[in-house]
Amino acid sequence: MSNESKCPKCSSEHIYQDGNLWVCPECAHEWGVHASAESAEEQAPQDNVIKDANGNILQDGDTVVVIKDLKVKGSSSVVKVGTKVKNIRLSDGGDGHDISCKIDGFGAMNLKSEFVKKA
């Protein structure tokens, strides 16, 4: 297990070889026995890209539209489908909420990128 002692996707040490592939049981990632460590490093920055529900790359300052009714935690109100959110900020929310924004009538809020599309 020389260079391939860790999973290139999740960095788990619990990997095993299955024929010509290395397999990570924790994240189910598979890669070739002869895959270089350089290619894993090249793919890592792409994992940090935040995409909307349609696969478009989001950036700070973009305008997005909510594609699903979203319940507001701690409130009986709902953010309706079609609500336009301007000037978003991308954040690294550990719980999957990777967009920080202000929504008219609700105030500051965090959203998951899977429930919005780029306007």
PDB file of N, CA and C in Angstrom:
ATOM      1  N   MET A   1       0.816  -1.193   0.000  1.00  0.00           N
ATOM      2  CA  MET A   1       0.000   0.000   0.000  1.00  0.00           C
ATOM      3  C   MET A   1       0.855   1.251   0.000  1.00  0.00           C
ATOM      4  N   SER A   2       1.779   1.406  -0.853  1.00  0.00           N
ATOM      5  CA  SER A   2       2.726   2.509  -0.851  1.00  0.00           C
ATOM      6  C   SER A   2       2.040   3.868  -0.983  1.00  0.00           C
ATOM      7  N   ASN A   3       1.861   4.387  -2.199  1.00  0.00           N
ATOM      8  CA  ASN A   3       1.259   5.698  -2.410  1.00  0.00           C
ATOM      9  C   ASN A   3      -0.233   5.691  -2.160  1.00  0.00           C
ATOM     10  N   GLU A   4      -0.871   4.547  -2.366  1.00  0.00           N
ATOM     11  CA  GLU A   4      -2.315   4.467  -2.245  1.00  0.00           C
ATOM     12  C   GLU A   4      -2.732   4.031  -0.830  1.00  0.00           C
ATOM     13  N   SER A   5      -2.091   4.541   0.197  1.00  0.00           N
ATOM     14  CA  SER A   5      -2.423   4.127   1.549  1.00  0.00           C
ATOM     15  C   SER A   5      -3.649   4.852   2.105  1.00  0.00           C
ATOM     16  N   LYS A   6      -4.144   5.833   1.361  1.00  0.00           N
ATOM     17  CA  LYS A   6      -5.343   6.558   1.781  1.00  0.00           C
ATOM     18  C   LYS A   6      -6.249   6.781   0.578  1.00  0.00           C
ATOM     19  N   CYS A   7      -7.535   6.866   0.846  1.00  0.00           N
ATOM     20  CA  CYS A   7      -8.509   7.151  -0.205  1.00  0.00           C
ATOM     21  C   CYS A   7      -8.320   8.592  -0.688  1.00  0.00           C
ATOM     22  N   PRO A   8      -8.227   8.818  -2.008  1.00  0.00           N
ATOM     23  CA  PRO A   8      -8.042  10.187  -2.494  1.00  0.00           C
ATOM     24  C   PRO A   8      -9.283  11.061  -2.320  1.00  0.00           C
ATOM     25  N   LYS A   9     -10.427  10.462  -2.084  1.00  0.00           N
ATOM     26  CA  LYS A   9     -11.665  11.236  -1.943  1.00  0.00           C
ATOM     27  C   LYS A   9     -11.926  11.641  -0.496  1.00  0.00           C
ATOM     28  N   CYS A  10     -11.837  10.663   0.444  1.00  0.00           N
ATOM     29  CA  CYS A  10     -12.175  10.958   1.840  1.00  0.00           C
ATOM     30  C   CYS A  10     -11.003  10.797   2.798  1.00  0.00           C
ATOM     31  N   SER A  11      -9.833  10.408   2.302  1.00  0.00           N
ATOM     32  CA  SER A  11      -8.606  10.224   3.082  1.00  0.00           C
ATOM     33  C   SER A  11      -8.702   9.110   4.115  1.00  0.00           C
ATOM     34  N   SER A  12      -9.602   8.174   3.911  1.00  0.00           N
ATOM     35  CA  SER A  12      -9.727   7.050   4.826  1.00  0.00           C
ATOM     36  C   SER A  12      -8.547   6.096   4.640  1.00  0.00           C
ATOM     37  N   GLU A  13      -8.078   5.510   5.720  1.00  0.00           N
ATOM     38  CA  GLU A  13      -6.978   4.547   5.660  1.00  0.00           C
ATOM     39  C   GLU A  13      -7.486   3.118   5.482  1.00  0.00           C
ATOM     40  N   HIS A  14      -8.798   2.926   5.556  1.00  0.00           N
ATOM     41  CA  HIS A  14      -9.400   1.591   5.463  1.00  0.00           C
ATOM     42  C   HIS A  14      -9.744   1.270   4.011  1.00  0.00           C
ATOM     43  N   ILE A  15      -8.718   1.034   3.203  1.00  0.00           N
ATOM     44  CA  ILE A  15      -8.935   0.721   1.795  1.00  0.00           C
ATOM     45  C   ILE A  15      -8.433  -0.685   1.517  1.00  0.00           C
ATOM     46  N   TYR A  16      -8.920  -1.257   0.423  1.00  0.00           N
ATOM     47  CA  TYR A  16      -8.453  -2.585   0.038  1.00  0.00           C
ATOM     48  C   TYR A  16      -8.372  -2.681  -1.480  1.00  0.00           C
ATOM     49  N   GLN A  17      -7.581  -3.641  -1.945  1.00  0.00           N
ATOM     50  CA  GLN A  17      -7.410  -3.826  -3.372  1.00  0.00           C
ATOM     51  C   GLN A  17      -8.348  -4.925  -3.851  1.00  0.00           C
ATOM     52  N   ASP A  18      -9.045  -4.646  -4.956  1.00  0.00           N
ATOM     53  CA  ASP A  18      -9.966  -5.610  -5.555  1.00  0.00           C
ATOM     54  C   ASP A  18      -9.607  -5.716  -7.037  1.00  0.00           C
ATOM     55  N   GLY A  19      -8.816  -6.716  -7.393  1.00  0.00           N
ATOM     56  CA  GLY A  19      -8.352  -6.848  -8.772  1.00  0.00           C
ATOM     57  C   GLY A  19      -7.433  -5.702  -9.123  1.00  0.00           C
ATOM     58  N   ASN A  20      -7.800  -4.920 -10.118  1.00  0.00           N
ATOM     59  CA  ASN A  20      -6.984  -3.780 -10.542  1.00  0.00           C
ATOM     60  C   ASN A  20      -7.446  -2.460  -9.931  1.00  0.00           C
ATOM     61  N   LEU A  21      -8.312  -2.511  -8.952  1.00  0.00           N
ATOM     62  CA  LEU A  21      -8.842  -1.299  -8.342  1.00  0.00           C
ATOM     63  C   LEU A  21      -8.582  -1.263  -6.843  1.00  0.00           C
ATOM     64  N   TRP A  22      -8.426  -0.043  -6.322  1.00  0.00           N
ATOM     65  CA  TRP A  22      -8.458   0.183  -4.886  1.00  0.00           C
ATOM     66  C   TRP A  22      -9.883   0.596  -4.558  1.00  0.00           C
ATOM     67  N   VAL A  23     -10.403   0.149  -3.412  1.00  0.00           N
ATOM     68  CA  VAL A  23     -11.773   0.443  -3.015  1.00  0.00           C
ATOM     69  C   VAL A  23     -11.778   0.992  -1.592  1.00  0.00           C
ATOM     70  N   CYS A  24     -12.559   2.043  -1.385  1.00  0.00           N
ATOM     71  CA  CYS A  24     -12.741   2.613  -0.050  1.00  0.00           C
ATOM     72  C   CYS A  24     -14.124   2.193   0.440  1.00  0.00           C
ATOM     73  N   PRO A  25     -14.213   1.405   1.513  1.00  0.00           N
ATOM     74  CA  PRO A  25     -15.521   0.974   1.991  1.00  0.00           C
ATOM     75  C   PRO A  25     -16.324   2.088   2.668  1.00  0.00           C
ATOM     76  N   GLU A  26     -15.670   3.167   3.050  1.00  0.00           N
ATOM     77  CA  GLU A  26     -16.371   4.239   3.750  1.00  0.00           C
ATOM     78  C   GLU A  26     -17.141   5.159   2.804  1.00  0.00           C
ATOM     79  N   CYS A  27     -16.539   5.488   1.631  1.00  0.00           N
ATOM     80  CA  CYS A  27     -17.224   6.393   0.704  1.00  0.00           C
ATOM     81  C   CYS A  27     -17.526   5.732  -0.640  1.00  0.00           C
ATOM     82  N   ALA A  28     -17.162   4.456  -0.795  1.00  0.00           N
ATOM     83  CA  ALA A  28     -17.417   3.661  -2.005  1.00  0.00           C
ATOM     84  C   ALA A  28     -16.671   4.186  -3.225  1.00  0.00           C
ATOM     85  N   HIS A  29     -15.597   4.939  -3.014  1.00  0.00           N
ATOM     86  CA  HIS A  29     -14.786   5.448  -4.127  1.00  0.00           C
ATOM     87  C   HIS A  29     -13.863   4.343  -4.626  1.00  0.00           C
ATOM     88  N   GLU A  30     -13.738   4.238  -5.950  1.00  0.00           N
ATOM     89  CA  GLU A  30     -12.843   3.258  -6.556  1.00  0.00           C
ATOM     90  C   GLU A  30     -11.869   3.991  -7.465  1.00  0.00           C
ATOM     91  N   TRP A  31     -10.611   3.571  -7.477  1.00  0.00           N
ATOM     92  CA  TRP A  31      -9.624   4.163  -8.357  1.00  0.00           C
ATOM     93  C   TRP A  31      -8.619   3.106  -8.775  1.00  0.00           C
ATOM     94  N   GLY A  32      -7.955   3.346  -9.893  1.00  0.00           N
ATOM     95  CA  GLY A  32      -7.016   2.384 -10.461  1.00  0.00           C
ATOM     96  C   GLY A  32      -5.783   2.187  -9.592  1.00  0.00           C
ATOM     97  N   VAL A  33      -5.187   0.998  -9.681  1.00  0.00           N
ATOM     98  CA  VAL A  33      -3.992   0.679  -8.905  1.00  0.00           C
ATOM     99  C   VAL A  33      -2.854   1.618  -9.277  1.00  0.00           C
ATOM    100  N   HIS A  34      -2.768   2.004 -10.553  1.00  0.00           N
ATOM    101  CA  HIS A  34      -1.665   2.828 -11.012  1.00  0.00           C
ATOM    102  C   HIS A  34      -2.021   4.306 -11.076  1.00  0.00           C
ATOM    103  N   ALA A  35      -3.126   4.699 -10.457  1.00  0.00           N
ATOM    104  CA  ALA A  35      -3.509   6.118 -10.449  1.00  0.00           C
ATOM    105  C   ALA A  35      -2.496   6.894  -9.627  1.00  0.00           C
ATOM    106  N   SER A  36      -2.064   8.023 -10.147  1.00  0.00           N
ATOM    107  CA  SER A  36      -1.027   8.791  -9.462  1.00  0.00           C
ATOM    108  C   SER A  36      -1.630   9.671  -8.376  1.00  0.00           C
ATOM    109  N   ALA A  37      -0.823   9.995  -7.401  1.00  0.00           N
ATOM    110  CA  ALA A  37      -1.259  10.885  -6.325  1.00  0.00           C
ATOM    111  C   ALA A  37      -1.486  12.293  -6.863  1.00  0.00           C
ATOM    112  N   GLU A  38      -0.793  12.647  -7.954  1.00  0.00           N
ATOM    113  CA  GLU A  38      -0.964  13.972  -8.544  1.00  0.00           C
ATOM    114  C   GLU A  38      -2.376  14.160  -9.072  1.00  0.00           C
ATOM    115  N   SER A  39      -2.934  13.122  -9.699  1.00  0.00           N
ATOM    116  CA  SER A  39      -4.280  13.264 -10.233  1.00  0.00           C
ATOM    117  C   SER A  39      -5.297  13.438  -9.116  1.00  0.00           C
ATOM    118  N   ALA A  40      -5.071  12.825  -7.973  1.00  0.00           N
ATOM    119  CA  ALA A  40      -5.974  12.998  -6.828  1.00  0.00           C
ATOM    120  C   ALA A  40      -5.904  14.432  -6.311  1.00  0.00           C
ATOM    121  N   GLU A  41      -4.703  15.019  -6.320  1.00  0.00           N
ATOM    122  CA  GLU A  41      -4.557  16.392  -5.859  1.00  0.00           C
ATOM    123  C   GLU A  41      -5.208  17.364  -6.827  1.00  0.00           C
ATOM    124  N   GLU A  42      -5.194  17.039  -8.129  1.00  0.00           N
ATOM    125  CA  GLU A  42      -5.819  17.905  -9.109  1.00  0.00           C
ATOM    126  C   GLU A  42      -7.330  17.883  -8.964  1.00  0.00           C
ATOM    127  N   GLN A  43      -7.908  16.768  -8.560  1.00  0.00           N
ATOM    128  CA  GLN A  43      -9.349  16.657  -8.423  1.00  0.00           C
ATOM    129  C   GLN A  43      -9.852  17.296  -7.140  1.00  0.00           C
ATOM    130  N   ALA A  44      -9.027  17.419  -6.130  1.00  0.00           N
ATOM    131  CA  ALA A  44      -9.448  17.937  -4.836  1.00  0.00           C
ATOM    132  C   ALA A  44     -10.050  19.342  -4.910  1.00  0.00           C
ATOM    133  N   PRO A  45      -9.441  20.314  -5.617  1.00  0.00           N
ATOM    134  CA  PRO A  45     -10.053  21.634  -5.658  1.00  0.00           C
ATOM    135  C   PRO A  45     -11.426  21.635  -6.321  1.00  0.00           C
ATOM    136  N   GLN A  46     -11.701  20.716  -7.219  1.00  0.00           N
ATOM    137  CA  GLN A  46     -12.989  20.670  -7.868  1.00  0.00           C
ATOM    138  C   GLN A  46     -14.082  20.246  -6.897  1.00  0.00           C
ATOM    139  N   ASP A  47     -13.731  19.523  -5.851  1.00  0.00           N
ATOM    140  CA  ASP A  47     -14.713  19.102  -4.866  1.00  0.00           C
ATOM    141  C   ASP A  47     -15.248  20.290  -4.066  1.00  0.00           C
ATOM    142  N   ASN A  48     -14.493  21.391  -4.006  1.00  0.00           N
ATOM    143  CA  ASN A  48     -14.896  22.555  -3.228  1.00  0.00           C
ATOM    144  C   ASN A  48     -15.816  23.485  -4.007  1.00  0.00           C
ATOM    145  N   VAL A  49     -16.085  23.184  -5.264  1.00  0.00           N
ATOM    146  CA  VAL A  49     -16.960  24.005  -6.086  1.00  0.00           C
ATOM    147  C   VAL A  49     -18.404  23.750  -5.664  1.00  0.00           C
ATOM    148  N   ILE A  50     -19.152  24.818  -5.461  1.00  0.00           N
ATOM    149  CA  ILE A  50     -20.552  24.700  -5.057  1.00  0.00           C
ATOM    150  C   ILE A  50     -21.421  24.882  -6.293  1.00  0.00           C
ATOM    151  N   LYS A  51     -22.307  23.910  -6.525  1.00  0.00           N
ATOM    152  CA  LYS A  51     -23.170  23.926  -7.709  1.00  0.00           C
ATOM    153  C   LYS A  51     -24.634  23.965  -7.291  1.00  0.00           C
ATOM    154  N   ASP A  52     -25.465  24.538  -8.161  1.00  0.00           N
ATOM    155  CA  ASP A  52     -26.898  24.581  -7.894  1.00  0.00           C
ATOM    156  C   ASP A  52     -27.554  23.265  -8.286  1.00  0.00           C
ATOM    157  N   ALA A  53     -28.861  23.206  -8.233  1.00  0.00           N
ATOM    158  CA  ALA A  53     -29.597  21.976  -8.524  1.00  0.00           C
ATOM    159  C   ALA A  53     -29.422  21.520  -9.968  1.00  0.00           C
ATOM    160  N   ASN A  54     -29.120  22.438 -10.886  1.00  0.00           N
ATOM    161  CA  ASN A  54     -28.933  22.096 -12.288  1.00  0.00           C
ATOM    162  C   ASN A  54     -27.477  21.843 -12.651  1.00  0.00           C
ATOM    163  N   GLY A  55     -26.566  21.973 -11.702  1.00  0.00           N
ATOM    164  CA  GLY A  55     -25.148  21.736 -11.965  1.00  0.00           C
ATOM    165  C   GLY A  55     -24.374  22.973 -12.357  1.00  0.00           C
ATOM    166  N   ASN A  56     -24.991  24.147 -12.313  1.00  0.00           N
ATOM    167  CA  ASN A  56     -24.288  25.397 -12.617  1.00  0.00           C
ATOM    168  C   ASN A  56     -23.430  25.802 -11.428  1.00  0.00           C
ATOM    169  N   ILE A  57     -22.234  26.305 -11.700  1.00  0.00           N
ATOM    170  CA  ILE A  57     -21.322  26.712 -10.628  1.00  0.00           C
ATOM    171  C   ILE A  57     -21.791  28.051 -10.062  1.00  0.00           C
ATOM    172  N   LEU A  58     -21.882  28.116  -8.731  1.00  0.00           N
ATOM    173  CA  LEU A  58     -22.307  29.340  -8.047  1.00  0.00           C
ATOM    174  C   LEU A  58     -21.100  30.127  -7.567  1.00  0.00           C
ATOM    175  N   GLN A  59     -21.247  31.453  -7.535  1.00  0.00           N
ATOM    176  CA  GLN A  59     -20.193  32.333  -7.042  1.00  0.00           C
ATOM    177  C   GLN A  59     -20.809  33.374  -6.115  1.00  0.00           C
ATOM    178  N   ASP A  60     -19.949  34.007  -5.302  1.00  0.00           N
ATOM    179  CA  ASP A  60     -20.422  35.086  -4.439  1.00  0.00           C
ATOM    180  C   ASP A  60     -21.054  36.182  -5.284  1.00  0.00           C
ATOM    181  N   GLY A  61     -22.186  36.731  -4.823  1.00  0.00           N
ATOM    182  CA  GLY A  61     -22.858  37.817  -5.510  1.00  0.00           C
ATOM    183  C   GLY A  61     -23.897  37.376  -6.522  1.00  0.00           C
ATOM    184  N   ASP A  62     -24.001  36.073  -6.796  1.00  0.00           N
ATOM    185  CA  ASP A  62     -24.991  35.571  -7.752  1.00  0.00           C
ATOM    186  C   ASP A  62     -26.410  35.758  -7.221  1.00  0.00           C
ATOM    187  N   THR A  63     -27.369  35.688  -8.133  1.00  0.00           N
ATOM    188  CA  THR A  63     -28.788  35.688  -7.789  1.00  0.00           C
ATOM    189  C   THR A  63     -29.323  34.290  -8.072  1.00  0.00           C
ATOM    190  N   VAL A  64     -30.053  33.729  -7.117  1.00  0.00           N
ATOM    191  CA  VAL A  64     -30.601  32.390  -7.264  1.00  0.00           C
ATOM    192  C   VAL A  64     -32.101  32.415  -7.002  1.00  0.00           C
ATOM    193  N   VAL A  65     -32.781  31.347  -7.450  1.00  0.00           N
ATOM    194  CA  VAL A  65     -34.214  31.202  -7.249  1.00  0.00           C
ATOM    195  C   VAL A  65     -34.453  29.890  -6.505  1.00  0.00           C
ATOM    196  N   VAL A  66     -35.292  29.904  -5.482  1.00  0.00           N
ATOM    197  CA  VAL A  66     -35.620  28.715  -4.700  1.00  0.00           C
ATOM    198  C   VAL A  66     -36.513  27.810  -5.549  1.00  0.00           C
ATOM    199  N   ILE A  67     -36.191  26.505  -5.596  1.00  0.00           N
ATOM    200  CA  ILE A  67     -36.944  25.575  -6.452  1.00  0.00           C
ATOM    201  C   ILE A  67     -37.877  24.657  -5.675  1.00  0.00           C
ATOM    202  N   LYS A  68     -37.956  24.837  -4.352  1.00  0.00           N
ATOM    203  CA  LYS A  68     -38.782  23.975  -3.517  1.00  0.00           C
ATOM    204  C   LYS A  68     -39.235  24.782  -2.308  1.00  0.00           C
ATOM    205  N   ASP A  69     -40.461  24.554  -1.836  1.00  0.00           N
ATOM    206  CA  ASP A  69     -40.899  25.193  -0.591  1.00  0.00           C
ATOM    207  C   ASP A  69     -39.978  24.736   0.538  1.00  0.00           C
ATOM    208  N   LEU A  70     -39.416  25.702   1.266  1.00  0.00           N
ATOM    209  CA  LEU A  70     -38.484  25.389   2.344  1.00  0.00           C
ATOM    210  C   LEU A  70     -39.050  25.842   3.678  1.00  0.00           C
ATOM    211  N   LYS A  71     -39.187  24.916   4.612  1.00  0.00           N
ATOM    212  CA  LYS A  71     -39.646  25.261   5.954  1.00  0.00           C
ATOM    213  C   LYS A  71     -38.529  26.005   6.671  1.00  0.00           C
ATOM    214  N   VAL A  72     -38.904  27.030   7.406  1.00  0.00           N
ATOM    215  CA  VAL A  72     -37.938  27.803   8.176  1.00  0.00           C
ATOM    216  C   VAL A  72     -37.909  27.246   9.585  1.00  0.00           C
ATOM    217  N   LYS A  73     -36.743  26.769   9.993  1.00  0.00           N
ATOM    218  CA  LYS A  73     -36.605  26.138  11.301  1.00  0.00           C
ATOM    219  C   LYS A  73     -36.917  27.149  12.410  1.00  0.00           C
ATOM    220  N   GLY A  74     -37.743  26.738  13.352  1.00  0.00           N
ATOM    221  CA  GLY A  74     -38.113  27.601  14.468  1.00  0.00           C
ATOM    222  C   GLY A  74     -39.237  28.560  14.144  1.00  0.00           C
ATOM    223  N   SER A  75     -39.879  28.369  13.017  1.00  0.00           N
ATOM    224  CA  SER A  75     -40.952  29.258  12.591  1.00  0.00           C
ATOM    225  C   SER A  75     -42.000  28.445  11.843  1.00  0.00           C
ATOM    226  N   SER A  76     -43.195  28.990  11.753  1.00  0.00           N
ATOM    227  CA  SER A  76     -44.244  28.302  11.007  1.00  0.00           C
ATOM    228  C   SER A  76     -44.301  28.779   9.558  1.00  0.00           C
ATOM    229  N   SER A  77     -43.419  29.709   9.194  1.00  0.00           N
ATOM    230  CA  SER A  77     -43.425  30.251   7.838  1.00  0.00           C
ATOM    231  C   SER A  77     -42.611  29.385   6.871  1.00  0.00           C
ATOM    232  N   VAL A  78     -42.817  29.642   5.578  1.00  0.00           N
ATOM    233  CA  VAL A  78     -42.191  28.854   4.522  1.00  0.00           C
ATOM    234  C   VAL A  78     -41.627  29.796   3.466  1.00  0.00           C
ATOM    235  N   VAL A  79     -40.414  29.487   2.982  1.00  0.00           N
ATOM    236  CA  VAL A  79     -39.860  30.203   1.833  1.00  0.00           C
ATOM    237  C   VAL A  79     -40.446  29.530   0.597  1.00  0.00           C
ATOM    238  N   LYS A  80     -41.222  30.268  -0.181  1.00  0.00           N
ATOM    239  CA  LYS A  80     -41.980  29.706  -1.306  1.00  0.00           C
ATOM    240  C   LYS A  80     -41.113  29.457  -2.527  1.00  0.00           C
ATOM    241  N   VAL A  81     -41.574  28.535  -3.377  1.00  0.00           N
ATOM    242  CA  VAL A  81     -40.945  28.271  -4.666  1.00  0.00           C
ATOM    243  C   VAL A  81     -40.940  29.557  -5.481  1.00  0.00           C
ATOM    244  N   GLY A  82     -39.845  29.834  -6.166  1.00  0.00           N
ATOM    245  CA  GLY A  82     -39.759  31.023  -7.009  1.00  0.00           C
ATOM    246  C   GLY A  82     -39.234  32.245  -6.308  1.00  0.00           C
ATOM    247  N   THR A  83     -38.956  32.151  -5.000  1.00  0.00           N
ATOM    248  CA  THR A  83     -38.410  33.287  -4.270  1.00  0.00           C
ATOM    249  C   THR A  83     -37.016  33.587  -4.797  1.00  0.00           C
ATOM    250  N   LYS A  84     -36.800  34.839  -5.214  1.00  0.00           N
ATOM    251  CA  LYS A  84     -35.514  35.249  -5.757  1.00  0.00           C
ATOM    252  C   LYS A  84     -34.627  35.746  -4.618  1.00  0.00           C
ATOM    253  N   VAL A  85     -33.408  35.237  -4.562  1.00  0.00           N
ATOM    254  CA  VAL A  85     -32.454  35.623  -3.526  1.00  0.00           C
ATOM    255  C   VAL A  85     -31.265  36.269  -4.217  1.00  0.00           C
ATOM    256  N   LYS A  86     -31.015  37.537  -3.909  1.00  0.00           N
ATOM    257  CA  LYS A  86     -29.939  38.289  -4.559  1.00  0.00           C
ATOM    258  C   LYS A  86     -28.707  38.337  -3.671  1.00  0.00           C
ATOM    259  N   ASN A  87     -27.574  38.489  -4.307  1.00  0.00           N
ATOM    260  CA  ASN A  87     -26.291  38.729  -3.630  1.00  0.00           C
ATOM    261  C   ASN A  87     -25.965  37.658  -2.585  1.00  0.00           C
ATOM    262  N   ILE A  88     -25.889  36.401  -3.020  1.00  0.00           N
ATOM    263  CA  ILE A  88     -25.572  35.311  -2.096  1.00  0.00           C
ATOM    264  C   ILE A  88     -24.089  35.323  -1.754  1.00  0.00           C
ATOM    265  N   ARG A  89     -23.748  34.710  -0.628  1.00  0.00           N
ATOM    266  CA  ARG A  89     -22.366  34.499  -0.225  1.00  0.00           C
ATOM    267  C   ARG A  89     -22.185  33.012   0.021  1.00  0.00           C
ATOM    268  N   LEU A  90     -21.144  32.449  -0.572  1.00  0.00           N
ATOM    269  CA  LEU A  90     -20.864  31.031  -0.385  1.00  0.00           C
ATOM    270  C   LEU A  90     -20.108  30.848   0.916  1.00  0.00           C
ATOM    271  N   SER A  91     -20.509  29.868   1.679  1.00  0.00           N
ATOM    272  CA  SER A  91     -19.863  29.591   2.958  1.00  0.00           C
ATOM    273  C   SER A  91     -19.635  28.094   3.073  1.00  0.00           C
ATOM    274  N   ASP A  92     -18.842  27.706   4.038  1.00  0.00           N
ATOM    275  CA  ASP A  92     -18.536  26.296   4.241  1.00  0.00           C
ATOM    276  C   ASP A  92     -19.299  25.803   5.461  1.00  0.00           C
ATOM    277  N   GLY A  93     -20.615  25.664   5.305  1.00  0.00           N
ATOM    278  CA  GLY A  93     -21.435  25.159   6.400  1.00  0.00           C
ATOM    279  C   GLY A  93     -21.263  23.654   6.519  1.00  0.00           C
ATOM    280  N   GLY A  94     -20.840  23.189   7.657  1.00  0.00           N
ATOM    281  CA  GLY A  94     -20.595  21.770   7.846  1.00  0.00           C
ATOM    282  C   GLY A  94     -21.856  20.927   7.761  1.00  0.00           C
ATOM    283  N   ASP A  95     -23.009  21.545   7.899  1.00  0.00           N
ATOM    284  CA  ASP A  95     -24.261  20.797   7.870  1.00  0.00           C
ATOM    285  C   ASP A  95     -24.917  20.814   6.490  1.00  0.00           C
ATOM    286  N   GLY A  96     -24.173  21.210   5.458  1.00  0.00           N
ATOM    287  CA  GLY A  96     -24.704  21.213   4.107  1.00  0.00           C
ATOM    288  C   GLY A  96     -25.280  22.538   3.666  1.00  0.00           C
ATOM    289  N   HIS A  97     -25.472  23.464   4.577  1.00  0.00           N
ATOM    290  CA  HIS A  97     -25.977  24.791   4.238  1.00  0.00           C
ATOM    291  C   HIS A  97     -24.791  25.625   3.768  1.00  0.00           C
ATOM    292  N   ASP A  98     -24.624  25.729   2.454  1.00  0.00           N
ATOM    293  CA  ASP A  98     -23.431  26.359   1.913  1.00  0.00           C
ATOM    294  C   ASP A  98     -23.681  27.715   1.255  1.00  0.00           C
ATOM    295  N   ILE A  99     -24.859  28.285   1.444  1.00  0.00           N
ATOM    296  CA  ILE A  99     -25.177  29.615   0.928  1.00  0.00           C
ATOM    297  C   ILE A  99     -25.687  30.478   2.080  1.00  0.00           C
ATOM    298  N   SER A 100     -25.055  31.632   2.285  1.00  0.00           N
ATOM    299  CA  SER A 100     -25.531  32.620   3.258  1.00  0.00           C
ATOM    300  C   SER A 100     -26.184  33.744   2.482  1.00  0.00           C
ATOM    301  N   CYS A 101     -27.352  34.191   2.955  1.00  0.00           N
ATOM    302  CA  CYS A 101     -28.080  35.221   2.205  1.00  0.00           C
ATOM    303  C   CYS A 101     -29.063  35.934   3.117  1.00  0.00           C
ATOM    304  N   LYS A 102     -29.679  36.978   2.552  1.00  0.00           N
ATOM    305  CA  LYS A 102     -30.778  37.666   3.217  1.00  0.00           C
ATOM    306  C   LYS A 102     -31.982  37.544   2.307  1.00  0.00           C
ATOM    307  N   ILE A 103     -33.101  37.097   2.866  1.00  0.00           N
ATOM    308  CA  ILE A 103     -34.331  36.954   2.108  1.00  0.00           C
ATOM    309  C   ILE A 103     -35.338  37.955   2.653  1.00  0.00           C
ATOM    310  N   ASP A 104     -35.939  38.739   1.748  1.00  0.00           N
ATOM    311  CA  ASP A 104     -36.928  39.739   2.158  1.00  0.00           C
ATOM    312  C   ASP A 104     -38.062  39.072   2.930  1.00  0.00           C
ATOM    313  N   GLY A 105     -38.377  39.596   4.095  1.00  0.00           N
ATOM    314  CA  GLY A 105     -39.447  39.059   4.928  1.00  0.00           C
ATOM    315  C   GLY A 105     -38.971  38.002   5.913  1.00  0.00           C
ATOM    316  N   PHE A 106     -37.750  37.492   5.736  1.00  0.00           N
ATOM    317  CA  PHE A 106     -37.208  36.454   6.624  1.00  0.00           C
ATOM    318  C   PHE A 106     -35.922  36.886   7.308  1.00  0.00           C
ATOM    319  N   GLY A 107     -35.098  37.681   6.629  1.00  0.00           N
ATOM    320  CA  GLY A 107     -33.829  38.119   7.181  1.00  0.00           C
ATOM    321  C   GLY A 107     -32.683  37.201   6.785  1.00  0.00           C
ATOM    322  N   ALA A 108     -31.621  37.200   7.582  1.00  0.00           N
ATOM    323  CA  ALA A 108     -30.429  36.403   7.293  1.00  0.00           C
ATOM    324  C   ALA A 108     -30.756  34.918   7.418  1.00  0.00           C
ATOM    325  N   MET A 109     -30.241  34.144   6.470  1.00  0.00           N
ATOM    326  CA  MET A 109     -30.584  32.732   6.410  1.00  0.00           C
ATOM    327  C   MET A 109     -29.491  31.961   5.681  1.00  0.00           C
ATOM    328  N   ASN A 110     -29.380  30.677   5.963  1.00  0.00           N
ATOM    329  CA  ASN A 110     -28.481  29.784   5.239  1.00  0.00           C
ATOM    330  C   ASN A 110     -29.322  28.805   4.432  1.00  0.00           C
ATOM    331  N   LEU A 111     -28.897  28.546   3.187  1.00  0.00           N
ATOM    332  CA  LEU A 111     -29.610  27.637   2.306  1.00  0.00           C
ATOM    333  C   LEU A 111     -28.679  26.544   1.805  1.00  0.00           C
ATOM    334  N   LYS A 112     -29.262  25.436   1.397  1.00  0.00           N
ATOM    335  CA  LYS A 112     -28.503  24.381   0.736  1.00  0.00           C
ATOM    336  C   LYS A 112     -28.555  24.631  -0.765  1.00  0.00           C
ATOM    337  N   SER A 113     -27.432  24.470  -1.431  1.00  0.00           N
ATOM    338  CA  SER A 113     -27.351  24.766  -2.861  1.00  0.00           C
ATOM    339  C   SER A 113     -28.207  23.810  -3.692  1.00  0.00           C
ATOM    340  N   GLU A 114     -28.559  22.661  -3.161  1.00  0.00           N
ATOM    341  CA  GLU A 114     -29.367  21.696  -3.919  1.00  0.00           C
ATOM    342  C   GLU A 114     -30.815  22.142  -4.085  1.00  0.00           C
ATOM    343  N   PHE A 115     -31.233  23.185  -3.348  1.00  0.00           N
ATOM    344  CA  PHE A 115     -32.615  23.674  -3.419  1.00  0.00           C
ATOM    345  C   PHE A 115     -32.732  25.012  -4.129  1.00  0.00           C
ATOM    346  N   VAL A 116     -31.694  25.433  -4.847  1.00  0.00           N
ATOM    347  CA  VAL A 116     -31.744  26.671  -5.599  1.00  0.00           C
ATOM    348  C   VAL A 116     -31.223  26.452  -7.013  1.00  0.00           C
ATOM    349  N   LYS A 117     -31.608  27.358  -7.909  1.00  0.00           N
ATOM    350  CA  LYS A 117     -31.034  27.360  -9.259  1.00  0.00           C
ATOM    351  C   LYS A 117     -30.588  28.772  -9.570  1.00  0.00           C
ATOM    352  N   LYS A 118     -29.550  28.868 -10.379  1.00  0.00           N
ATOM    353  CA  LYS A 118     -28.992  30.166 -10.744  1.00  0.00           C
ATOM    354  C   LYS A 118     -29.987  30.915 -11.617  1.00  0.00           C
ATOM    355  N   ALA A 119     -30.180  32.198 -11.291  1.00  0.00           N
ATOM    356  CA  ALA A 119     -31.148  33.007 -12.052  1.00  0.00           C
ATOM    357  C   ALA A 119     -30.492  33.608 -13.286  1.00  0.00           C
TER     358      ALA A 119
END
